[in-house]
Amino acid sequence: MYDVLIKEYLKRLSLNDIDKFALKNGVTLKPGENKIIYDFIMQNWQEVYKGDSKKAFLKLKEKTSKETYDAIIKMFNTFKDKIK
């Protein structure tokens, strides 16, 4: 059920949305990280949502700064706990 909602939301997701969300959560992205995160979301959302999120996030760890990666993991865990 949520799959359909997520797919519809992702159709409208933009790099600007990534930038705004990061700033709203106190994260300053390095140049180009918004595109890396956007591509990661588009290619890996199902694995993060239904599969092995740790394995999926390892792909992102190699491509972002440590600060950005740590912030993403912290936010993911916070939001994941809220929806359980």
PDB file of N, CA and C in Angstrom:
ATOM      1  N   MET A   1       0.818  -1.196   0.000  1.00  0.00           N
ATOM      2  CA  MET A   1       0.000   0.000   0.000  1.00  0.00           C
ATOM      3  C   MET A   1       0.868   1.268   0.000  1.00  0.00           C
ATOM      4  N   TYR A   2       1.826   1.330   0.912  1.00  0.00           N
ATOM      5  CA  TYR A   2       2.687   2.509   0.969  1.00  0.00           C
ATOM      6  C   TYR A   2       3.569   2.624  -0.263  1.00  0.00           C
ATOM      7  N   ASP A   3       3.806   1.512  -0.931  1.00  0.00           N
ATOM      8  CA  ASP A   3       4.634   1.525  -2.143  1.00  0.00           C
ATOM      9  C   ASP A   3       4.109   2.530  -3.160  1.00  0.00           C
ATOM     10  N   VAL A   4       2.812   2.534  -3.356  1.00  0.00           N
ATOM     11  CA  VAL A   4       2.195   3.435  -4.335  1.00  0.00           C
ATOM     12  C   VAL A   4       2.406   4.888  -3.920  1.00  0.00           C
ATOM     13  N   LEU A   5       2.220   5.181  -2.651  1.00  0.00           N
ATOM     14  CA  LEU A   5       2.415   6.550  -2.159  1.00  0.00           C
ATOM     15  C   LEU A   5       3.870   6.993  -2.329  1.00  0.00           C
ATOM     16  N   ILE A   6       4.777   6.108  -2.008  1.00  0.00           N
ATOM     17  CA  ILE A   6       6.199   6.432  -2.143  1.00  0.00           C
ATOM     18  C   ILE A   6       6.552   6.687  -3.604  1.00  0.00           C
ATOM     19  N   LYS A   7       6.086   5.828  -4.488  1.00  0.00           N
ATOM     20  CA  LYS A   7       6.367   5.998  -5.922  1.00  0.00           C
ATOM     21  C   LYS A   7       5.841   7.336  -6.433  1.00  0.00           C
ATOM     22  N   GLU A   8       4.647   7.712  -6.009  1.00  0.00           N
ATOM     23  CA  GLU A   8       4.071   8.991  -6.438  1.00  0.00           C
ATOM     24  C   GLU A   8       4.880  10.165  -5.893  1.00  0.00           C
ATOM     25  N   TYR A   9       5.303  10.068  -4.651  1.00  0.00           N
ATOM     26  CA  TYR A   9       6.109  11.125  -4.064  1.00  0.00           C
ATOM     27  C   TYR A   9       7.437  11.257  -4.806  1.00  0.00           C
ATOM     28  N   LEU A  10       8.054  10.137  -5.118  1.00  0.00           N
ATOM     29  CA  LEU A  10       9.359  10.167  -5.786  1.00  0.00           C
ATOM     30  C   LEU A  10       9.287  10.758  -7.186  1.00  0.00           C
ATOM     31  N   LYS A  11       8.141  10.667  -7.817  1.00  0.00           N
ATOM     32  CA  LYS A  11       7.985  11.283  -9.144  1.00  0.00           C
ATOM     33  C   LYS A  11       8.184  12.796  -9.078  1.00  0.00           C
ATOM     34  N   ARG A  12       7.881  13.377  -7.921  1.00  0.00           N
ATOM     35  CA  ARG A  12       7.970  14.831  -7.760  1.00  0.00           C
ATOM     36  C   ARG A  12       9.217  15.287  -6.990  1.00  0.00           C
ATOM     37  N   LEU A  13       9.986  14.347  -6.482  1.00  0.00           N
ATOM     38  CA  LEU A  13      11.172  14.692  -5.702  1.00  0.00           C
ATOM     39  C   LEU A  13      12.203  15.399  -6.585  1.00  0.00           C
ATOM     40  N   SER A  14      12.805  16.452  -6.041  1.00  0.00           N
ATOM     41  CA  SER A  14      13.802  17.212  -6.803  1.00  0.00           C
ATOM     42  C   SER A  14      15.072  17.401  -5.974  1.00  0.00           C
ATOM     43  N   LEU A  15      16.116  17.847  -6.641  1.00  0.00           N
ATOM     44  CA  LEU A  15      17.363  18.163  -5.936  1.00  0.00           C
ATOM     45  C   LEU A  15      17.129  19.274  -4.919  1.00  0.00           C
ATOM     46  N   ASN A  16      16.276  20.211  -5.263  1.00  0.00           N
ATOM     47  CA  ASN A  16      15.935  21.296  -4.353  1.00  0.00           C
ATOM     48  C   ASN A  16      15.275  20.752  -3.082  1.00  0.00           C
ATOM     49  N   ASP A  17      14.422  19.740  -3.228  1.00  0.00           N
ATOM     50  CA  ASP A  17      13.801  19.112  -2.060  1.00  0.00           C
ATOM     51  C   ASP A  17      14.859  18.502  -1.144  1.00  0.00           C
ATOM     52  N   ILE A  18      15.862  17.874  -1.741  1.00  0.00           N
ATOM     53  CA  ILE A  18      16.955  17.274  -0.966  1.00  0.00           C
ATOM     54  C   ILE A  18      17.698  18.370  -0.200  1.00  0.00           C
ATOM     55  N   ASP A  19      18.017  19.465  -0.884  1.00  0.00           N
ATOM     56  CA  ASP A  19      18.720  20.585  -0.245  1.00  0.00           C
ATOM     57  C   ASP A  19      17.908  21.163   0.912  1.00  0.00           C
ATOM     58  N   LYS A  20      16.629  21.402   0.685  1.00  0.00           N
ATOM     59  CA  LYS A  20      15.766  21.981   1.723  1.00  0.00           C
ATOM     60  C   LYS A  20      15.649  21.061   2.932  1.00  0.00           C
ATOM     61  N   PHE A  21      15.475  19.768   2.682  1.00  0.00           N
ATOM     62  CA  PHE A  21      15.348  18.804   3.776  1.00  0.00           C
ATOM     63  C   PHE A  21      16.634  18.758   4.597  1.00  0.00           C
ATOM     64  N   ALA A  22      17.762  18.768   3.918  1.00  0.00           N
ATOM     65  CA  ALA A  22      19.049  18.748   4.623  1.00  0.00           C
ATOM     66  C   ALA A  22      19.192  19.989   5.503  1.00  0.00           C
ATOM     67  N   LEU A  23      18.939  21.153   4.940  1.00  0.00           N
ATOM     68  CA  LEU A  23      19.061  22.390   5.715  1.00  0.00           C
ATOM     69  C   LEU A  23      18.093  22.415   6.891  1.00  0.00           C
ATOM     70  N   LYS A  24      16.879  21.967   6.663  1.00  0.00           N
ATOM     71  CA  LYS A  24      15.856  21.923   7.720  1.00  0.00           C
ATOM     72  C   LYS A  24      16.310  21.044   8.882  1.00  0.00           C
ATOM     73  N   ASN A  25      17.125  20.044   8.579  1.00  0.00           N
ATOM     74  CA  ASN A  25      17.602  19.117   9.600  1.00  0.00           C
ATOM     75  C   ASN A  25      19.039  19.396  10.035  1.00  0.00           C
ATOM     76  N   GLY A  26      19.535  20.585   9.692  1.00  0.00           N
ATOM     77  CA  GLY A  26      20.845  21.018  10.156  1.00  0.00           C
ATOM     78  C   GLY A  26      22.025  20.353   9.477  1.00  0.00           C
ATOM     79  N   VAL A  27      21.820  19.876   8.254  1.00  0.00           N
ATOM     80  CA  VAL A  27      22.887  19.200   7.514  1.00  0.00           C
ATOM     81  C   VAL A  27      23.317  20.078   6.345  1.00  0.00           C
ATOM     82  N   THR A  28      24.608  20.376   6.278  1.00  0.00           N
ATOM     83  CA  THR A  28      25.150  21.127   5.158  1.00  0.00           C
ATOM     84  C   THR A  28      25.788  20.136   4.197  1.00  0.00           C
ATOM     85  N   LEU A  29      25.211  20.023   3.022  1.00  0.00           N
ATOM     86  CA  LEU A  29      25.719  19.079   2.026  1.00  0.00           C
ATOM     87  C   LEU A  29      26.910  19.666   1.288  1.00  0.00           C
ATOM     88  N   LYS A  30      27.842  18.813   0.966  1.00  0.00           N
ATOM     89  CA  LYS A  30      28.975  19.209   0.125  1.00  0.00           C
ATOM     90  C   LYS A  30      28.476  19.313  -1.322  1.00  0.00           C
ATOM     91  N   PRO A  31      29.179  20.076  -2.163  1.00  0.00           N
ATOM     92  CA  PRO A  31      28.755  20.188  -3.564  1.00  0.00           C
ATOM     93  C   PRO A  31      28.599  18.808  -4.217  1.00  0.00           C
ATOM     94  N   GLY A  32      27.465  18.612  -4.850  1.00  0.00           N
ATOM     95  CA  GLY A  32      27.188  17.371  -5.560  1.00  0.00           C
ATOM     96  C   GLY A  32      26.542  16.278  -4.723  1.00  0.00           C
ATOM     97  N   GLU A  33      26.550  16.433  -3.397  1.00  0.00           N
ATOM     98  CA  GLU A  33      25.959  15.386  -2.560  1.00  0.00           C
ATOM     99  C   GLU A  33      24.447  15.296  -2.720  1.00  0.00           C
ATOM    100  N   ASN A  34      23.808  16.415  -3.044  1.00  0.00           N
ATOM    101  CA  ASN A  34      22.357  16.349  -3.262  1.00  0.00           C
ATOM    102  C   ASN A  34      22.025  15.405  -4.416  1.00  0.00           C
ATOM    103  N   LYS A  35      22.813  15.437  -5.467  1.00  0.00           N
ATOM    104  CA  LYS A  35      22.598  14.552  -6.623  1.00  0.00           C
ATOM    105  C   LYS A  35      22.897  13.096  -6.255  1.00  0.00           C
ATOM    106  N   ILE A  36      23.938  12.882  -5.482  1.00  0.00           N
ATOM    107  CA  ILE A  36      24.275  11.528  -5.031  1.00  0.00           C
ATOM    108  C   ILE A  36      23.133  10.959  -4.194  1.00  0.00           C
ATOM    109  N   ILE A  37      22.598  11.760  -3.284  1.00  0.00           N
ATOM    110  CA  ILE A  37      21.498  11.318  -2.424  1.00  0.00           C
ATOM    111  C   ILE A  37      20.241  11.087  -3.250  1.00  0.00           C
ATOM    112  N   TYR A  38      19.958  11.993  -4.167  1.00  0.00           N
ATOM    113  CA  TYR A  38      18.792  11.838  -5.052  1.00  0.00           C
ATOM    114  C   TYR A  38      18.884  10.525  -5.837  1.00  0.00           C
ATOM    115  N   ASP A  39      20.027  10.286  -6.454  1.00  0.00           N
ATOM    116  CA  ASP A  39      20.215   9.048  -7.225  1.00  0.00           C
ATOM    117  C   ASP A  39      20.090   7.817  -6.333  1.00  0.00           C
ATOM    118  N   PHE A  40      20.644   7.903  -5.139  1.00  0.00           N
ATOM    119  CA  PHE A  40      20.547   6.787  -4.195  1.00  0.00           C
ATOM    120  C   PHE A  40      19.089   6.489  -3.858  1.00  0.00           C
ATOM    121  N   ILE A  41      18.330   7.520  -3.561  1.00  0.00           N
ATOM    122  CA  ILE A  41      16.915   7.330  -3.224  1.00  0.00           C
ATOM    123  C   ILE A  41      16.177   6.680  -4.386  1.00  0.00           C
ATOM    124  N   MET A  42      16.374   7.212  -5.574  1.00  0.00           N
ATOM    125  CA  MET A  42      15.658   6.697  -6.742  1.00  0.00           C
ATOM    126  C   MET A  42      16.012   5.239  -7.051  1.00  0.00           C
ATOM    127  N   GLN A  43      17.257   4.878  -6.828  1.00  0.00           N
ATOM    128  CA  GLN A  43      17.708   3.528  -7.183  1.00  0.00           C
ATOM    129  C   GLN A  43      17.568   2.509  -6.056  1.00  0.00           C
ATOM    130  N   ASN A  44      17.489   2.979  -4.813  1.00  0.00           N
ATOM    131  CA  ASN A  44      17.570   2.047  -3.682  1.00  0.00           C
ATOM    132  C   ASN A  44      16.419   2.134  -2.685  1.00  0.00           C
ATOM    133  N   TRP A  45      15.391   2.922  -2.976  1.00  0.00           N
ATOM    134  CA  TRP A  45      14.353   3.111  -1.969  1.00  0.00           C
ATOM    135  C   TRP A  45      13.671   1.811  -1.580  1.00  0.00           C
ATOM    136  N   GLN A  46      13.466   0.916  -2.531  1.00  0.00           N
ATOM    137  CA  GLN A  46      12.782  -0.336  -2.204  1.00  0.00           C
ATOM    138  C   GLN A  46      13.637  -1.213  -1.291  1.00  0.00           C
ATOM    139  N   GLU A  47      14.924  -1.243  -1.536  1.00  0.00           N
ATOM    140  CA  GLU A  47      15.813  -2.027  -0.672  1.00  0.00           C
ATOM    141  C   GLU A  47      15.847  -1.439   0.736  1.00  0.00           C
ATOM    142  N   VAL A  48      15.872  -0.127   0.836  1.00  0.00           N
ATOM    143  CA  VAL A  48      15.867   0.523   2.147  1.00  0.00           C
ATOM    144  C   VAL A  48      14.536   0.271   2.846  1.00  0.00           C
ATOM    145  N   TYR A  49      13.452   0.350   2.107  1.00  0.00           N
ATOM    146  CA  TYR A  49      12.110   0.215   2.677  1.00  0.00           C
ATOM    147  C   TYR A  49      11.770  -1.223   3.050  1.00  0.00           C
ATOM    148  N   LYS A  50      12.115  -2.171   2.197  1.00  0.00           N
ATOM    149  CA  LYS A  50      11.687  -3.558   2.398  1.00  0.00           C
ATOM    150  C   LYS A  50      12.817  -4.544   2.656  1.00  0.00           C
ATOM    151  N   GLY A  51      14.021  -4.151   2.327  1.00  0.00           N
ATOM    152  CA  GLY A  51      15.123  -5.113   2.366  1.00  0.00           C
ATOM    153  C   GLY A  51      16.129  -4.818   3.455  1.00  0.00           C
ATOM    154  N   ASP A  52      17.369  -4.958   3.099  1.00  0.00           N
ATOM    155  CA  ASP A  52      18.483  -4.766   4.015  1.00  0.00           C
ATOM    156  C   ASP A  52      18.983  -3.328   3.897  1.00  0.00           C
ATOM    157  N   SER A  53      18.472  -2.463   4.756  1.00  0.00           N
ATOM    158  CA  SER A  53      18.827  -1.046   4.660  1.00  0.00           C
ATOM    159  C   SER A  53      20.314  -0.821   4.919  1.00  0.00           C
ATOM    160  N   LYS A  54      20.909  -1.596   5.804  1.00  0.00           N
ATOM    161  CA  LYS A  54      22.341  -1.425   6.094  1.00  0.00           C
ATOM    162  C   LYS A  54      23.176  -1.690   4.846  1.00  0.00           C
ATOM    163  N   LYS A  55      22.834  -2.736   4.136  1.00  0.00           N
ATOM    164  CA  LYS A  55      23.556  -3.064   2.901  1.00  0.00           C
ATOM    165  C   LYS A  55      23.371  -1.950   1.867  1.00  0.00           C
ATOM    166  N   ALA A  56      22.154  -1.449   1.762  1.00  0.00           N
ATOM    167  CA  ALA A  56      21.874  -0.373   0.806  1.00  0.00           C
ATOM    168  C   ALA A  56      22.663   0.883   1.158  1.00  0.00           C
ATOM    169  N   PHE A  57      22.678   1.240   2.439  1.00  0.00           N
ATOM    170  CA  PHE A  57      23.362   2.462   2.847  1.00  0.00           C
ATOM    171  C   PHE A  57      24.876   2.380   2.672  1.00  0.00           C
ATOM    172  N   LEU A  58      25.426   1.179   2.647  1.00  0.00           N
ATOM    173  CA  LEU A  58      26.867   1.051   2.395  1.00  0.00           C
ATOM    174  C   LEU A  58      27.245   1.616   1.030  1.00  0.00           C
ATOM    175  N   LYS A  59      26.319   1.520   0.074  1.00  0.00           N
ATOM    176  CA  LYS A  59      26.564   2.094  -1.258  1.00  0.00           C
ATOM    177  C   LYS A  59      26.704   3.611  -1.170  1.00  0.00           C
ATOM    178  N   LEU A  60      25.945   4.205  -0.272  1.00  0.00           N
ATOM    179  CA  LEU A  60      25.963   5.655  -0.102  1.00  0.00           C
ATOM    180  C   LEU A  60      27.195   6.107   0.681  1.00  0.00           C
ATOM    181  N   LYS A  61      27.633   5.281   1.603  1.00  0.00           N
ATOM    182  CA  LYS A  61      28.772   5.629   2.460  1.00  0.00           C
ATOM    183  C   LYS A  61      30.020   5.938   1.645  1.00  0.00           C
ATOM    184  N   GLU A  62      30.204   5.205   0.560  1.00  0.00           N
ATOM    185  CA  GLU A  62      31.388   5.385  -0.283  1.00  0.00           C
ATOM    186  C   GLU A  62      31.370   6.690  -1.069  1.00  0.00           C
ATOM    187  N   LYS A  63      30.186   7.290  -1.202  1.00  0.00           N
ATOM    188  CA  LYS A  63      30.038   8.423  -2.118  1.00  0.00           C
ATOM    189  C   LYS A  63      29.812   9.764  -1.433  1.00  0.00           C
ATOM    190  N   THR A  64      29.605   9.757  -0.112  1.00  0.00           N
ATOM    191  CA  THR A  64      29.335  11.002   0.605  1.00  0.00           C
ATOM    192  C   THR A  64      30.385  11.215   1.689  1.00  0.00           C
ATOM    193  N   SER A  65      30.427  12.434   2.201  1.00  0.00           N
ATOM    194  CA  SER A  65      31.344  12.721   3.305  1.00  0.00           C
ATOM    195  C   SER A  65      30.873  11.981   4.553  1.00  0.00           C
ATOM    196  N   LYS A  66      31.778  11.779   5.482  1.00  0.00           N
ATOM    197  CA  LYS A  66      31.435  11.088   6.729  1.00  0.00           C
ATOM    198  C   LYS A  66      30.335  11.834   7.469  1.00  0.00           C
ATOM    199  N   GLU A  67      30.419  13.157   7.507  1.00  0.00           N
ATOM    200  CA  GLU A  67      29.426  13.959   8.216  1.00  0.00           C
ATOM    201  C   GLU A  67      28.039  13.777   7.602  1.00  0.00           C
ATOM    202  N   THR A  68      27.978  13.826   6.284  1.00  0.00           N
ATOM    203  CA  THR A  68      26.694  13.667   5.596  1.00  0.00           C
ATOM    204  C   THR A  68      26.151  12.263   5.808  1.00  0.00           C
ATOM    205  N   TYR A  69      26.991  11.269   5.645  1.00  0.00           N
ATOM    206  CA  TYR A  69      26.554   9.880   5.826  1.00  0.00           C
ATOM    207  C   TYR A  69      26.025   9.661   7.246  1.00  0.00           C
ATOM    208  N   ASP A  70      26.771  10.122   8.236  1.00  0.00           N
ATOM    209  CA  ASP A  70      26.341   9.952   9.629  1.00  0.00           C
ATOM    210  C   ASP A  70      25.004  10.638   9.882  1.00  0.00           C
ATOM    211  N   ALA A  71      24.818  11.829   9.309  1.00  0.00           N
ATOM    212  CA  ALA A  71      23.553  12.551   9.475  1.00  0.00           C
ATOM    213  C   ALA A  71      22.402  11.794   8.809  1.00  0.00           C
ATOM    214  N   ILE A  72      22.647  11.230   7.646  1.00  0.00           N
ATOM    215  CA  ILE A  72      21.612  10.465   6.939  1.00  0.00           C
ATOM    216  C   ILE A  72      21.197   9.254   7.769  1.00  0.00           C
ATOM    217  N   ILE A  73      22.164   8.532   8.300  1.00  0.00           N
ATOM    218  CA  ILE A  73      21.864   7.343   9.103  1.00  0.00           C
ATOM    219  C   ILE A  73      21.095   7.740  10.362  1.00  0.00           C
ATOM    220  N   LYS A  74      21.506   8.811  11.000  1.00  0.00           N
ATOM    221  CA  LYS A  74      20.815   9.279  12.209  1.00  0.00           C
ATOM    222  C   LYS A  74      19.366   9.644  11.888  1.00  0.00           C
ATOM    223  N   MET A  75      19.159  10.397  10.806  1.00  0.00           N
ATOM    224  CA  MET A  75      17.793  10.772  10.421  1.00  0.00           C
ATOM    225  C   MET A  75      16.976   9.543  10.039  1.00  0.00           C
ATOM    226  N   PHE A  76      17.576   8.628   9.295  1.00  0.00           N
ATOM    227  CA  PHE A  76      16.866   7.408   8.899  1.00  0.00           C
ATOM    228  C   PHE A  76      16.384   6.652  10.134  1.00  0.00           C
ATOM    229  N   ASN A  77      17.262   6.459  11.101  1.00  0.00           N
ATOM    230  CA  ASN A  77      16.888   5.725  12.310  1.00  0.00           C
ATOM    231  C   ASN A  77      15.809   6.451  13.105  1.00  0.00           C
ATOM    232  N   THR A  78      15.897   7.768  13.174  1.00  0.00           N
ATOM    233  CA  THR A  78      14.884   8.555  13.877  1.00  0.00           C
ATOM    234  C   THR A  78      13.527   8.408  13.213  1.00  0.00           C
ATOM    235  N   PHE A  79      13.477   8.586  11.898  1.00  0.00           N
ATOM    236  CA  PHE A  79      12.199   8.502  11.189  1.00  0.00           C
ATOM    237  C   PHE A  79      11.670   7.074  11.152  1.00  0.00           C
ATOM    238  N   LYS A  80      12.565   6.109  11.047  1.00  0.00           N
ATOM    239  CA  LYS A  80      12.155   4.698  11.037  1.00  0.00           C
ATOM    240  C   LYS A  80      11.481   4.349  12.357  1.00  0.00           C
ATOM    241  N   ASP A  81      12.052   4.817  13.462  1.00  0.00           N
ATOM    242  CA  ASP A  81      11.474   4.542  14.777  1.00  0.00           C
ATOM    243  C   ASP A  81      10.110   5.212  14.944  1.00  0.00           C
ATOM    244  N   LYS A  82       9.919   6.359  14.319  1.00  0.00           N
ATOM    245  CA  LYS A  82       8.639   7.070  14.424  1.00  0.00           C
ATOM    246  C   LYS A  82       7.509   6.357  13.694  1.00  0.00           C
ATOM    247  N   ILE A  83       7.815   5.647  12.616  1.00  0.00           N
ATOM    248  CA  ILE A  83       6.738   5.012  11.852  1.00  0.00           C
ATOM    249  C   ILE A  83       6.447   3.583  12.293  1.00  0.00           C
ATOM    250  N   LYS A  84       7.225   3.067  13.216  1.00  0.00           N
ATOM    251  CA  LYS A  84       6.972   1.705  13.713  1.00  0.00           C
ATOM    252  C   LYS A  84       5.822   1.687  14.676  1.00  0.00           C
TER     253      LYS A  84
END
